[in-house]
Amino acid sequence: QVQLVESGGGLVQAGGSLRLSCATSGRTINNYAMAWFRQAPGKEREFVAAINYNAGRTHYADSVKGRFTISKDNAKNTMYLQMNTLKPEDTAAYYCAAKGTNVIIIRGFDYWGQGTQVTVSS
């Protein structure tokens, strides 16, 4: 069993930056693919970014490519999402997810966090 806890959300002006963290416990994440998703009010949850087990591969949604960076520190059992040049449309609850696999995936995750709110004002 893996527990995921997101942090780092908050209120920021458009053009600003935030860094989200996803701390894990229960098991080492060395063998886990992980990802970030987000869900805005009234919308379905959408994929944001993914990273494979050894952080050697990443994949991004087109809407965040070039602005967001996903990373993973297996020694600290923590995943990050650096978000730059934030836009009002990035406003959403952000969730981290994990699955025990050695390939990069964007769906089918087994473990989810509770989410952290990001609000970008215009």
Protein backbone atom coordinates (compact mmCIF):
# COMPACT_ATOMS: atom_id res chain seq x y z
CA GLN A 1 0.00 0.00 0.00
CA VAL A 2 1.24 3.49 -0.90
CA GLN A 3 -0.05 6.66 0.68
CA LEU A 4 0.26 9.91 -1.27
CA VAL A 5 0.02 13.41 0.22
CA GLU A 6 0.12 16.52 -1.96
CA SER A 7 1.24 19.94 -0.77
CA GLY A 8 2.33 23.27 -2.17
CA GLY A 9 -0.92 24.54 -3.62
CA GLY A 10 -2.14 28.06 -3.09
CA LEU A 11 -3.22 31.34 -4.66
CA VAL A 12 -0.90 32.93 -7.20
CA GLN A 13 -1.20 35.65 -9.81
CA ALA A 14 -1.08 34.86 -13.49
CA GLY A 15 2.50 34.54 -14.64
CA GLY A 16 3.64 33.30 -11.26
CA SER A 17 5.04 29.97 -10.16
CA LEU A 18 4.26 27.22 -7.69
CA ARG A 19 5.94 23.94 -6.82
CA LEU A 20 3.76 21.03 -5.83
CA SER A 21 5.08 18.09 -3.85
CA CYS A 22 3.72 14.57 -3.53
CA ALA A 23 5.14 12.83 -0.49
CA THR A 24 4.76 9.08 -0.37
CA SER A 25 4.84 6.58 2.46
CA GLY A 26 4.28 2.92 2.89
CA ARG A 27 6.66 1.77 0.21
CA THR A 28 9.64 3.12 -1.66
CA ILE A 29 8.67 4.62 -4.99
CA ASN A 30 11.76 3.35 -6.82
CA ASN A 31 9.58 0.98 -8.81
CA TYR A 32 6.58 3.23 -9.27
CA ALA A 33 5.47 5.28 -12.23
CA MET A 34 3.80 8.48 -11.08
CA ALA A 35 1.78 11.33 -12.50
CA TRP A 36 -0.09 14.54 -11.83
CA PHE A 37 -3.71 15.10 -12.74
CA ARG A 38 -6.00 18.06 -12.19
CA GLN A 39 -9.70 18.70 -11.97
CA ALA A 40 -11.38 22.08 -12.29
CA PRO A 41 -14.90 22.70 -10.99
CA GLY A 42 -17.49 21.24 -13.33
CA LYS A 43 -14.88 19.50 -15.46
CA GLU A 44 -13.51 15.99 -15.68
CA ARG A 45 -10.16 15.11 -14.23
CA GLU A 46 -7.41 15.52 -16.80
CA PHE A 47 -3.87 14.27 -17.18
CA VAL A 48 -1.11 16.84 -16.60
CA ALA A 49 2.28 15.09 -16.50
CA ALA A 50 3.80 11.65 -15.96
CA ILE A 51 7.20 10.25 -15.03
CA ASN A 52 8.54 6.73 -15.12
CA TYR A 53 10.01 4.74 -12.23
CA ASN A 54 13.60 6.00 -12.52
CA ALA A 55 12.71 9.52 -13.69
CA GLY A 56 14.32 8.82 -17.04
CA ARG A 57 11.21 9.55 -19.06
CA THR A 58 8.53 12.21 -18.78
CA HIS A 59 5.36 13.05 -20.68
CA TYR A 60 3.21 16.18 -20.61
CA ALA A 61 -0.20 17.32 -21.67
CA ASP A 62 0.03 19.82 -24.51
CA SER A 63 -1.59 22.48 -22.34
CA VAL A 64 1.32 22.51 -19.89
CA LYS A 65 4.27 21.56 -22.09
CA GLY A 66 7.10 24.05 -21.73
CA ARG A 67 5.63 25.55 -18.53
CA PHE A 68 5.46 22.60 -16.11
CA THR A 69 8.23 20.21 -15.10
CA ILE A 70 7.69 16.90 -13.36
CA SER A 71 10.47 15.33 -11.33
CA LYS A 72 10.95 12.50 -8.85
CA ASP A 73 13.40 12.03 -6.02
CA ASN A 74 13.36 8.34 -5.16
CA ALA A 75 15.71 8.89 -2.21
CA LYS A 76 13.17 11.23 -0.65
CA ASN A 77 10.14 9.27 -1.84
CA THR A 78 8.76 12.49 -3.27
CA MET A 79 7.52 13.66 -6.64
CA TYR A 80 7.33 17.30 -7.70
CA LEU A 81 5.57 19.50 -10.20
CA GLN A 82 7.22 22.82 -10.91
CA MET A 83 4.64 25.10 -12.47
CA ASN A 84 5.80 28.30 -14.17
CA THR A 85 4.01 30.98 -16.15
CA LEU A 86 0.74 29.98 -14.56
CA LYS A 87 -2.52 30.91 -16.25
CA PRO A 88 -6.04 31.29 -14.83
CA GLU A 89 -7.02 28.15 -16.74
CA ASP A 90 -4.53 26.19 -14.63
CA THR A 91 -6.84 26.70 -11.65
CA ALA A 92 -7.84 23.27 -10.36
CA ALA A 93 -7.35 20.69 -7.65
CA TYR A 94 -4.13 18.84 -8.42
CA TYR A 95 -3.75 15.16 -7.61
CA CYS A 96 -0.78 12.84 -7.66
CA ALA A 97 -1.04 9.19 -8.60
CA ALA A 98 1.20 6.13 -8.56
CA LYS A 99 1.38 2.61 -9.96
CA GLY A 100 3.96 -0.11 -9.51
CA THR A 101 5.30 -0.44 -13.05
CA ASN A 102 8.54 0.19 -14.91
CA VAL A 103 6.88 1.85 -17.89
CA ILE A 104 5.55 5.38 -18.19
CA ILE A 105 1.76 5.50 -18.09
CA ILE A 106 -0.96 8.13 -18.17
CA ARG A 107 -3.90 6.03 -16.94
CA GLY A 108 -4.62 3.02 -14.79
CA PHE A 109 -3.05 4.28 -11.57
CA ASP A 110 -3.66 2.35 -8.36
CA TYR A 111 -2.96 4.99 -5.73
CA TRP A 112 -4.18 8.58 -5.46
CA GLY A 113 -3.65 11.49 -3.13
CA GLN A 114 -6.35 13.77 -1.72
CA GLY A 115 -5.40 16.77 -3.82
CA THR A 116 -4.10 20.28 -3.33
CA GLN A 117 -5.85 23.39 -4.66
CA VAL A 118 -4.15 25.74 -7.09
CA THR A 119 -5.86 29.03 -7.86
CA VAL A 120 -4.45 31.43 -10.43
CA SER A 121 -5.88 34.93 -10.43
CA SER A 122 -5.90 37.12 -13.53
